[in-house]
Amino acid sequence: MLRSELPISEYNPFYQTYLLALGDVDLIQELNRGRDELIALLEEIPERKLSYAYGEGKWTLAEVFLHIMDTERVFQYRALCFARNDKTPFPGFDQDEYVPESNASARTKDDLLQEYKAIRESTLCLFNSFDDDVMKRVGVASGSQMSVRAMGYIISGHQAHHLKIIRKRYL
């Protein structure tokens, strides 16, 4: 399925910016491409740069990478629950409460790479296990109807959004 085939009724309009940034891509191909892109970028960044923030009150580079991972985990879990027809409504999550608790300053580049690879591999295994009917299942997250497949595209689009910011403001 291509991103253009995802109806807006399957996600909260808040996420449309992330989805449109992807272009018309296949979900699994984009998850693989995005994995390779983030790994290549992080491997090129000097260790000392992980503590850099481009402004007062802005996240450090390590915090941005951990935010990408936290968000992927949250949306991956939502996708799993919706795929299993769990009708529990899921609240939003406050990124500004998660980031300070991430212990980013104690993390090394190798730690971040290892964790990211494990998370993305898990995401790929999960989404590869879903058939077309499962991908269309919906649940409620942050007060909106969301589909399993929308969760996958949001994971990809959210990462793409932050990689643009990293390239523009951190490197």
N, C-alpha and C. Protein backbone atom coordinates (compact mmCIF):
# COMPACT_ATOMS: atom_id res chain seq x y z
N MET A 1 0.83 -1.18 0.00
CA MET A 1 0.00 0.00 0.00
C MET A 1 0.88 1.25 0.00
N LEU A 2 0.48 2.23 -0.76
CA LEU A 2 1.20 3.50 -0.81
C LEU A 2 0.57 4.49 0.15
N ARG A 3 1.38 5.42 0.62
CA ARG A 3 0.91 6.42 1.57
C ARG A 3 -0.28 7.20 1.02
N SER A 4 -0.31 7.45 -0.27
CA SER A 4 -1.42 8.22 -0.86
C SER A 4 -2.75 7.49 -0.75
N GLU A 5 -2.72 6.20 -0.50
CA GLU A 5 -3.94 5.41 -0.36
C GLU A 5 -4.49 5.43 1.07
N LEU A 6 -3.81 6.12 1.96
CA LEU A 6 -4.22 6.20 3.36
C LEU A 6 -5.21 7.35 3.52
N PRO A 7 -6.49 7.03 3.79
CA PRO A 7 -7.47 8.11 3.94
C PRO A 7 -7.26 8.90 5.23
N ILE A 8 -7.55 10.17 5.18
CA ILE A 8 -7.37 11.04 6.35
C ILE A 8 -8.25 10.60 7.51
N SER A 9 -9.29 9.85 7.23
CA SER A 9 -10.17 9.35 8.29
C SER A 9 -9.47 8.33 9.20
N GLU A 10 -8.29 7.85 8.79
CA GLU A 10 -7.56 6.84 9.56
C GLU A 10 -6.50 7.43 10.49
N TYR A 11 -6.44 8.75 10.60
CA TYR A 11 -5.46 9.36 11.50
C TYR A 11 -5.90 10.76 11.88
N ASN A 12 -5.35 11.24 12.96
CA ASN A 12 -5.61 12.59 13.42
C ASN A 12 -4.92 13.57 12.46
N PRO A 13 -5.62 14.62 12.01
CA PRO A 13 -5.01 15.57 11.07
C PRO A 13 -3.71 16.20 11.58
N PHE A 14 -3.47 16.18 12.89
CA PHE A 14 -2.22 16.68 13.44
C PHE A 14 -1.02 16.03 12.76
N TYR A 15 -1.15 14.76 12.39
CA TYR A 15 -0.04 14.00 11.83
C TYR A 15 0.13 14.17 10.31
N GLN A 16 -0.74 14.93 9.69
CA GLN A 16 -0.68 15.04 8.23
C GLN A 16 0.65 15.61 7.73
N THR A 17 1.23 16.54 8.44
CA THR A 17 2.53 17.10 8.03
C THR A 17 3.57 16.00 7.94
N TYR A 18 3.60 15.10 8.93
CA TYR A 18 4.55 13.98 8.91
C TYR A 18 4.30 13.09 7.70
N LEU A 19 3.04 12.79 7.44
CA LEU A 19 2.70 11.86 6.37
C LEU A 19 3.00 12.45 4.99
N LEU A 20 2.67 13.70 4.82
CA LEU A 20 2.91 14.35 3.52
C LEU A 20 4.41 14.47 3.24
N ALA A 21 5.20 14.61 4.28
CA ALA A 21 6.65 14.72 4.10
C ALA A 21 7.25 13.45 3.51
N LEU A 22 6.55 12.35 3.65
CA LEU A 22 7.07 11.08 3.15
C LEU A 22 6.95 10.94 1.64
N GLY A 23 6.02 11.65 1.04
CA GLY A 23 5.75 11.40 -0.37
C GLY A 23 4.91 10.13 -0.50
N ASP A 24 4.85 9.61 -1.69
CA ASP A 24 4.00 8.44 -1.96
C ASP A 24 4.85 7.18 -1.89
N VAL A 25 5.01 6.66 -0.69
CA VAL A 25 5.92 5.53 -0.46
C VAL A 25 5.16 4.31 0.07
N ASP A 26 5.77 3.16 -0.13
CA ASP A 26 5.30 1.91 0.47
C ASP A 26 5.80 1.88 1.91
N LEU A 27 4.95 1.46 2.84
CA LEU A 27 5.28 1.51 4.25
C LEU A 27 6.53 0.71 4.60
N ILE A 28 6.58 -0.55 4.22
CA ILE A 28 7.71 -1.40 4.60
C ILE A 28 9.00 -0.90 3.95
N GLN A 29 8.92 -0.50 2.70
CA GLN A 29 10.11 0.04 2.04
C GLN A 29 10.60 1.31 2.74
N GLU A 30 9.66 2.14 3.18
CA GLU A 30 10.04 3.38 3.85
C GLU A 30 10.62 3.11 5.23
N LEU A 31 10.08 2.14 5.95
CA LEU A 31 10.66 1.79 7.25
C LEU A 31 12.10 1.30 7.08
N ASN A 32 12.36 0.51 6.05
CA ASN A 32 13.72 0.05 5.77
C ASN A 32 14.63 1.21 5.34
N ARG A 33 14.15 2.05 4.43
CA ARG A 33 14.95 3.18 3.95
C ARG A 33 15.26 4.14 5.09
N GLY A 34 14.25 4.43 5.91
CA GLY A 34 14.44 5.33 7.04
C GLY A 34 15.43 4.78 8.05
N ARG A 35 15.38 3.47 8.26
CA ARG A 35 16.35 2.83 9.17
C ARG A 35 17.77 3.08 8.67
N ASP A 36 17.99 2.80 7.39
CA ASP A 36 19.33 2.97 6.83
C ASP A 36 19.78 4.42 6.89
N GLU A 37 18.85 5.35 6.65
CA GLU A 37 19.19 6.77 6.68
C GLU A 37 19.59 7.22 8.09
N LEU A 38 18.82 6.84 9.10
CA LEU A 38 19.15 7.27 10.46
C LEU A 38 20.46 6.66 10.92
N ILE A 39 20.66 5.38 10.64
CA ILE A 39 21.91 4.72 11.05
C ILE A 39 23.11 5.41 10.41
N ALA A 40 23.04 5.67 9.11
CA ALA A 40 24.15 6.32 8.41
C ALA A 40 24.42 7.71 9.00
N LEU A 41 23.36 8.46 9.29
CA LEU A 41 23.53 9.80 9.85
C LEU A 41 24.17 9.73 11.24
N LEU A 42 23.64 8.88 12.10
CA LEU A 42 24.16 8.79 13.46
C LEU A 42 25.61 8.29 13.47
N GLU A 43 25.95 7.38 12.58
CA GLU A 43 27.33 6.88 12.52
C GLU A 43 28.32 7.97 12.15
N GLU A 44 27.88 8.97 11.40
CA GLU A 44 28.76 10.07 10.98
C GLU A 44 28.93 11.15 12.04
N ILE A 45 28.07 11.19 13.02
CA ILE A 45 28.10 12.27 14.02
C ILE A 45 29.17 11.98 15.07
N PRO A 46 30.05 12.94 15.33
CA PRO A 46 31.05 12.73 16.38
C PRO A 46 30.37 12.61 17.75
N GLU A 47 30.92 11.78 18.59
CA GLU A 47 30.37 11.54 19.94
C GLU A 47 30.13 12.85 20.70
N ARG A 48 31.06 13.77 20.62
CA ARG A 48 30.96 15.02 21.37
C ARG A 48 29.76 15.86 20.95
N LYS A 49 29.29 15.67 19.73
CA LYS A 49 28.17 16.44 19.19
C LYS A 49 26.82 16.03 19.80
N LEU A 50 26.77 14.86 20.43
CA LEU A 50 25.51 14.37 21.00
C LEU A 50 24.98 15.26 22.12
N SER A 51 25.85 16.01 22.77
CA SER A 51 25.43 16.89 23.87
C SER A 51 25.07 18.30 23.38
N TYR A 52 25.16 18.53 22.07
CA TYR A 52 24.89 19.85 21.50
C TYR A 52 23.38 20.12 21.40
N ALA A 53 22.99 21.32 21.81
CA ALA A 53 21.64 21.84 21.59
C ALA A 53 21.79 23.17 20.87
N TYR A 54 20.97 23.44 19.89
CA TYR A 54 21.16 24.65 19.07
C TYR A 54 20.62 25.92 19.73
N GLY A 55 19.98 25.79 20.88
CA GLY A 55 19.48 26.97 21.56
C GLY A 55 19.12 26.67 23.00
N GLU A 56 18.94 27.72 23.79
CA GLU A 56 18.55 27.58 25.18
C GLU A 56 17.19 26.88 25.25
N GLY A 57 17.12 25.85 26.07
CA GLY A 57 15.86 25.12 26.25
C GLY A 57 15.55 24.12 25.15
N LYS A 58 16.43 24.01 24.16
CA LYS A 58 16.23 23.02 23.09
C LYS A 58 16.87 21.71 23.49
N TRP A 59 16.37 20.63 22.91
CA TRP A 59 16.90 19.31 23.21
C TRP A 59 18.31 19.15 22.65
N THR A 60 19.09 18.33 23.33
CA THR A 60 20.39 17.96 22.77
C THR A 60 20.15 16.97 21.63
N LEU A 61 21.17 16.78 20.85
CA LEU A 61 21.07 15.82 19.74
C LEU A 61 20.75 14.42 20.26
N ALA A 62 21.37 14.01 21.35
CA ALA A 62 21.06 12.69 21.94
C ALA A 62 19.60 12.63 22.35
N GLU A 63 19.08 13.70 22.92
CA GLU A 63 17.67 13.73 23.32
C GLU A 63 16.74 13.61 22.11
N VAL A 64 17.11 14.22 21.00
CA VAL A 64 16.29 14.11 19.78
C VAL A 64 16.26 12.65 19.32
N PHE A 65 17.41 12.01 19.29
CA PHE A 65 17.44 10.61 18.86
C PHE A 65 16.61 9.73 19.80
N LEU A 66 16.71 9.97 21.10
CA LEU A 66 15.92 9.18 22.05
C LEU A 66 14.43 9.49 21.91
N HIS A 67 14.08 10.72 21.60
CA HIS A 67 12.69 11.07 21.35
C HIS A 67 12.14 10.30 20.14
N ILE A 68 12.93 10.21 19.09
CA ILE A 68 12.52 9.43 17.92
C ILE A 68 12.24 7.99 18.34
N MET A 69 13.12 7.43 19.15
CA MET A 69 12.95 6.04 19.60
C MET A 69 11.75 5.88 20.52
N ASP A 70 11.59 6.79 21.47
CA ASP A 70 10.43 6.72 22.36
C ASP A 70 9.13 6.76 21.57
N THR A 71 9.06 7.67 20.62
CA THR A 71 7.85 7.82 19.81
C THR A 71 7.59 6.56 19.00
N GLU A 72 8.63 5.98 18.43
CA GLU A 72 8.45 4.74 17.67
C GLU A 72 7.90 3.64 18.57
N ARG A 73 8.41 3.54 19.76
CA ARG A 73 7.91 2.51 20.71
C ARG A 73 6.44 2.73 21.04
N VAL A 74 6.06 3.97 21.30
CA VAL A 74 4.67 4.28 21.65
C VAL A 74 3.75 3.92 20.48
N PHE A 75 4.10 4.34 19.28
CA PHE A 75 3.24 4.08 18.13
C PHE A 75 3.27 2.61 17.73
N GLN A 76 4.37 1.96 17.94
CA GLN A 76 4.45 0.52 17.68
C GLN A 76 3.49 -0.23 18.62
N TYR A 77 3.49 0.14 19.89
CA TYR A 77 2.60 -0.50 20.85
C TYR A 77 1.14 -0.25 20.49
N ARG A 78 0.82 0.97 20.11
CA ARG A 78 -0.55 1.27 19.69
C ARG A 78 -0.93 0.41 18.48
N ALA A 79 -0.03 0.29 17.52
CA ALA A 79 -0.32 -0.53 16.34
C ALA A 79 -0.57 -1.98 16.74
N LEU A 80 0.23 -2.52 17.63
CA LEU A 80 0.03 -3.88 18.10
C LEU A 80 -1.34 -4.03 18.74
N CYS A 81 -1.70 -3.12 19.62
CA CYS A 81 -2.99 -3.20 20.30
C CYS A 81 -4.15 -3.11 19.31
N PHE A 82 -4.09 -2.18 18.39
CA PHE A 82 -5.16 -2.06 17.39
C PHE A 82 -5.22 -3.30 16.51
N ALA A 83 -4.07 -3.84 16.16
CA ALA A 83 -4.03 -5.05 15.33
C ALA A 83 -4.70 -6.22 16.03
N ARG A 84 -4.62 -6.24 17.35
CA ARG A 84 -5.22 -7.33 18.14
C ARG A 84 -6.65 -7.00 18.57
N ASN A 85 -7.21 -5.95 17.97
CA ASN A 85 -8.59 -5.51 18.25
C ASN A 85 -8.81 -5.08 19.70
N ASP A 86 -7.77 -4.56 20.32
CA ASP A 86 -7.89 -3.99 21.66
C ASP A 86 -8.63 -2.66 21.51
N LYS A 87 -9.73 -2.51 22.17
CA LYS A 87 -10.56 -1.31 22.03
C LYS A 87 -10.29 -0.27 23.13
N THR A 88 -9.24 -0.48 23.90
CA THR A 88 -8.86 0.48 24.92
C THR A 88 -8.43 1.79 24.26
N PRO A 89 -9.03 2.92 24.63
CA PRO A 89 -8.55 4.20 24.07
C PRO A 89 -7.21 4.58 24.73
N PHE A 90 -6.26 4.98 23.91
CA PHE A 90 -4.93 5.34 24.40
C PHE A 90 -4.78 6.85 24.49
N PRO A 91 -4.29 7.33 25.63
CA PRO A 91 -4.06 8.77 25.75
C PRO A 91 -2.85 9.18 24.92
N GLY A 92 -2.70 10.47 24.74
CA GLY A 92 -1.49 10.97 24.11
C GLY A 92 -0.32 10.78 25.07
N PHE A 93 0.87 11.03 24.58
CA PHE A 93 2.01 11.00 25.50
C PHE A 93 2.72 12.34 25.38
N ASP A 94 3.20 12.81 26.50
CA ASP A 94 3.80 14.14 26.57
C ASP A 94 5.31 14.01 26.39
N GLN A 95 5.76 14.32 25.19
CA GLN A 95 7.19 14.21 24.87
C GLN A 95 8.04 15.07 25.81
N ASP A 96 7.49 16.17 26.25
CA ASP A 96 8.26 17.05 27.13
C ASP A 96 8.44 16.49 28.54
N GLU A 97 7.66 15.49 28.89
CA GLU A 97 7.87 14.79 30.15
C GLU A 97 8.82 13.60 29.96
N TYR A 98 8.82 13.01 28.78
CA TYR A 98 9.67 11.85 28.50
C TYR A 98 11.14 12.24 28.34
N VAL A 99 11.38 13.30 27.58
CA VAL A 99 12.76 13.66 27.22
C VAL A 99 13.67 13.90 28.43
N PRO A 100 13.24 14.68 29.43
CA PRO A 100 14.14 14.89 30.57
C PRO A 100 14.44 13.61 31.35
N GLU A 101 13.59 12.62 31.21
CA GLU A 101 13.77 11.36 31.94
C GLU A 101 14.55 10.33 31.13
N SER A 102 15.01 10.71 29.95
CA SER A 102 15.67 9.76 29.03
C SER A 102 17.12 9.45 29.39
N ASN A 103 17.71 10.24 30.27
CA ASN A 103 19.11 10.05 30.66
C ASN A 103 20.04 10.14 29.44
N ALA A 104 19.68 11.01 28.52
CA ALA A 104 20.42 11.13 27.26
C ALA A 104 21.88 11.47 27.45
N SER A 105 22.20 12.26 28.46
CA SER A 105 23.60 12.69 28.64
C SER A 105 24.52 11.53 29.02
N ALA A 106 23.96 10.43 29.46
CA ALA A 106 24.77 9.26 29.84
C ALA A 106 24.89 8.25 28.70
N ARG A 107 24.29 8.54 27.57
CA ARG A 107 24.26 7.59 26.46
C ARG A 107 25.40 7.84 25.48
N THR A 108 25.94 6.77 24.95
CA THR A 108 26.98 6.88 23.92
C THR A 108 26.34 6.67 22.55
N LYS A 109 27.10 7.02 21.55
CA LYS A 109 26.62 6.81 20.18
C LYS A 109 26.36 5.33 19.93
N ASP A 110 27.25 4.48 20.41
CA ASP A 110 27.05 3.03 20.22
C ASP A 110 25.78 2.55 20.91
N ASP A 111 25.50 3.07 22.12
CA ASP A 111 24.25 2.73 22.82
C ASP A 111 23.04 3.11 21.97
N LEU A 112 23.07 4.33 21.46
CA LEU A 112 21.95 4.83 20.66
C LEU A 112 21.75 4.00 19.40
N LEU A 113 22.84 3.69 18.74
CA LEU A 113 22.74 2.87 17.53
C LEU A 113 22.17 1.49 17.82
N GLN A 114 22.68 0.86 18.86
CA GLN A 114 22.20 -0.48 19.21
C GLN A 114 20.71 -0.47 19.55
N GLU A 115 20.30 0.50 20.33
CA GLU A 115 18.89 0.59 20.73
C GLU A 115 18.01 0.88 19.52
N TYR A 116 18.41 1.84 18.69
CA TYR A 116 17.62 2.17 17.51
C TYR A 116 17.46 0.96 16.59
N LYS A 117 18.54 0.26 16.33
CA LYS A 117 18.47 -0.91 15.45
C LYS A 117 17.49 -1.95 15.99
N ALA A 118 17.52 -2.17 17.29
CA ALA A 118 16.60 -3.15 17.91
C ALA A 118 15.15 -2.69 17.78
N ILE A 119 14.90 -1.42 18.04
CA ILE A 119 13.54 -0.90 17.95
C ILE A 119 13.03 -1.01 16.52
N ARG A 120 13.84 -0.56 15.56
CA ARG A 120 13.36 -0.58 14.17
C ARG A 120 13.19 -2.00 13.66
N GLU A 121 14.07 -2.91 14.05
CA GLU A 121 13.90 -4.31 13.64
C GLU A 121 12.59 -4.85 14.19
N SER A 122 12.27 -4.50 15.42
CA SER A 122 11.02 -4.92 16.04
C SER A 122 9.82 -4.33 15.28
N THR A 123 9.92 -3.07 14.91
CA THR A 123 8.86 -2.42 14.13
C THR A 123 8.66 -3.14 12.80
N LEU A 124 9.75 -3.44 12.13
CA LEU A 124 9.67 -4.13 10.84
C LEU A 124 9.05 -5.52 11.00
N CYS A 125 9.47 -6.26 12.00
CA CYS A 125 8.88 -7.59 12.24
C CYS A 125 7.38 -7.48 12.49
N LEU A 126 7.01 -6.50 13.30
CA LEU A 126 5.59 -6.32 13.62
C LEU A 126 4.78 -6.00 12.37
N PHE A 127 5.17 -4.99 11.63
CA PHE A 127 4.39 -4.58 10.46
C PHE A 127 4.44 -5.61 9.34
N ASN A 128 5.52 -6.33 9.22
CA ASN A 128 5.58 -7.42 8.23
C ASN A 128 4.62 -8.56 8.58
N SER A 129 4.24 -8.67 9.83
CA SER A 129 3.33 -9.74 10.25
C SER A 129 1.86 -9.42 9.96
N PHE A 130 1.56 -8.19 9.62
CA PHE A 130 0.17 -7.77 9.42
C PHE A 130 -0.26 -7.99 7.98
N ASP A 131 -1.44 -8.56 7.79
CA ASP A 131 -2.01 -8.64 6.44
C ASP A 131 -2.83 -7.37 6.18
N ASP A 132 -3.41 -7.26 4.99
CA ASP A 132 -4.14 -6.05 4.62
C ASP A 132 -5.31 -5.75 5.55
N ASP A 133 -6.02 -6.78 5.97
CA ASP A 133 -7.16 -6.56 6.87
C ASP A 133 -6.70 -6.02 8.22
N VAL A 134 -5.63 -6.57 8.74
CA VAL A 134 -5.11 -6.11 10.03
C VAL A 134 -4.62 -4.66 9.91
N MET A 135 -3.98 -4.33 8.81
CA MET A 135 -3.46 -2.96 8.62
C MET A 135 -4.58 -1.92 8.64
N LYS A 136 -5.80 -2.33 8.31
CA LYS A 136 -6.93 -1.39 8.26
C LYS A 136 -7.68 -1.31 9.58
N ARG A 137 -7.33 -2.14 10.55
CA ARG A 137 -8.03 -2.09 11.84
C ARG A 137 -7.75 -0.75 12.52
N VAL A 138 -8.73 -0.32 13.29
CA VAL A 138 -8.61 0.99 13.94
C VAL A 138 -8.82 0.88 15.44
N GLY A 139 -8.28 1.86 16.10
CA GLY A 139 -8.47 2.05 17.53
C GLY A 139 -8.47 3.54 17.79
N VAL A 140 -8.50 3.89 19.05
CA VAL A 140 -8.52 5.30 19.42
C VAL A 140 -7.24 5.65 20.17
N ALA A 141 -6.56 6.67 19.68
CA ALA A 141 -5.36 7.20 20.34
C ALA A 141 -5.45 8.72 20.32
N SER A 142 -5.16 9.33 21.43
CA SER A 142 -5.21 10.79 21.56
C SER A 142 -6.57 11.34 21.13
N GLY A 143 -7.63 10.58 21.41
CA GLY A 143 -8.98 11.03 21.10
C GLY A 143 -9.39 10.91 19.65
N SER A 144 -8.59 10.25 18.81
CA SER A 144 -8.90 10.13 17.38
C SER A 144 -8.85 8.68 16.93
N GLN A 145 -9.68 8.37 15.95
CA GLN A 145 -9.61 7.07 15.30
C GLN A 145 -8.30 6.99 14.52
N MET A 146 -7.57 5.91 14.70
CA MET A 146 -6.29 5.73 14.02
C MET A 146 -6.21 4.28 13.55
N SER A 147 -5.67 4.08 12.36
CA SER A 147 -5.51 2.71 11.85
C SER A 147 -4.10 2.20 12.14
N VAL A 148 -3.98 0.88 12.06
CA VAL A 148 -2.67 0.24 12.24
C VAL A 148 -1.68 0.80 11.21
N ARG A 149 -2.10 0.84 9.95
CA ARG A 149 -1.18 1.32 8.91
C ARG A 149 -0.82 2.78 9.10
N ALA A 150 -1.75 3.58 9.63
CA ALA A 150 -1.42 4.98 9.90
C ALA A 150 -0.30 5.06 10.93
N MET A 151 -0.32 4.18 11.92
CA MET A 151 0.73 4.18 12.94
C MET A 151 2.10 3.98 12.30
N GLY A 152 2.18 3.07 11.35
CA GLY A 152 3.45 2.82 10.66
C GLY A 152 3.93 4.03 9.88
N TYR A 153 3.01 4.66 9.18
CA TYR A 153 3.40 5.85 8.42
C TYR A 153 3.77 7.01 9.34
N ILE A 154 3.10 7.12 10.47
CA ILE A 154 3.44 8.18 11.43
C ILE A 154 4.83 7.94 12.00
N ILE A 155 5.16 6.69 12.31
CA ILE A 155 6.52 6.36 12.78
C ILE A 155 7.54 6.87 11.76
N SER A 156 7.32 6.56 10.49
CA SER A 156 8.25 6.97 9.43
C SER A 156 8.29 8.47 9.24
N GLY A 157 7.13 9.09 9.20
CA GLY A 157 7.06 10.53 8.98
C GLY A 157 7.62 11.33 10.13
N HIS A 158 7.38 10.87 11.35
CA HIS A 158 7.92 11.54 12.53
C HIS A 158 9.45 11.52 12.49
N GLN A 159 10.01 10.37 12.16
CA GLN A 159 11.47 10.28 12.07
C GLN A 159 11.99 11.20 10.97
N ALA A 160 11.35 11.19 9.80
CA ALA A 160 11.79 12.04 8.69
C ALA A 160 11.76 13.51 9.10
N HIS A 161 10.72 13.90 9.82
CA HIS A 161 10.59 15.28 10.31
C HIS A 161 11.80 15.66 11.17
N HIS A 162 12.14 14.79 12.11
CA HIS A 162 13.24 15.11 13.01
C HIS A 162 14.61 15.02 12.32
N LEU A 163 14.76 14.16 11.36
CA LEU A 163 16.04 14.12 10.63
C LEU A 163 16.26 15.41 9.86
N LYS A 164 15.20 16.01 9.34
CA LYS A 164 15.32 17.31 8.67
C LYS A 164 15.79 18.37 9.65
N ILE A 165 15.22 18.37 10.84
CA ILE A 165 15.61 19.34 11.87
C ILE A 165 17.06 19.11 12.27
N ILE A 166 17.46 17.86 12.44
CA ILE A 166 18.85 17.55 12.80
C ILE A 166 19.80 18.12 11.76
N ARG A 167 19.51 17.88 10.50
CA ARG A 167 20.40 18.35 9.43
C ARG A 167 20.44 19.87 9.37
N LYS A 168 19.33 20.50 9.62
CA LYS A 168 19.24 21.97 9.51
C LYS A 168 19.84 22.69 10.72
N ARG A 169 19.60 22.16 11.93
CA ARG A 169 19.93 22.93 13.13
C ARG A 169 21.06 22.36 13.98
N TYR A 170 21.38 21.09 13.78
CA TYR A 170 22.39 20.46 14.65
C TYR A 170 23.72 20.18 13.95
N LEU A 171 23.70 20.05 12.65
CA LEU A 171 24.93 19.65 11.96
C LEU A 171 25.56 20.80 11.19
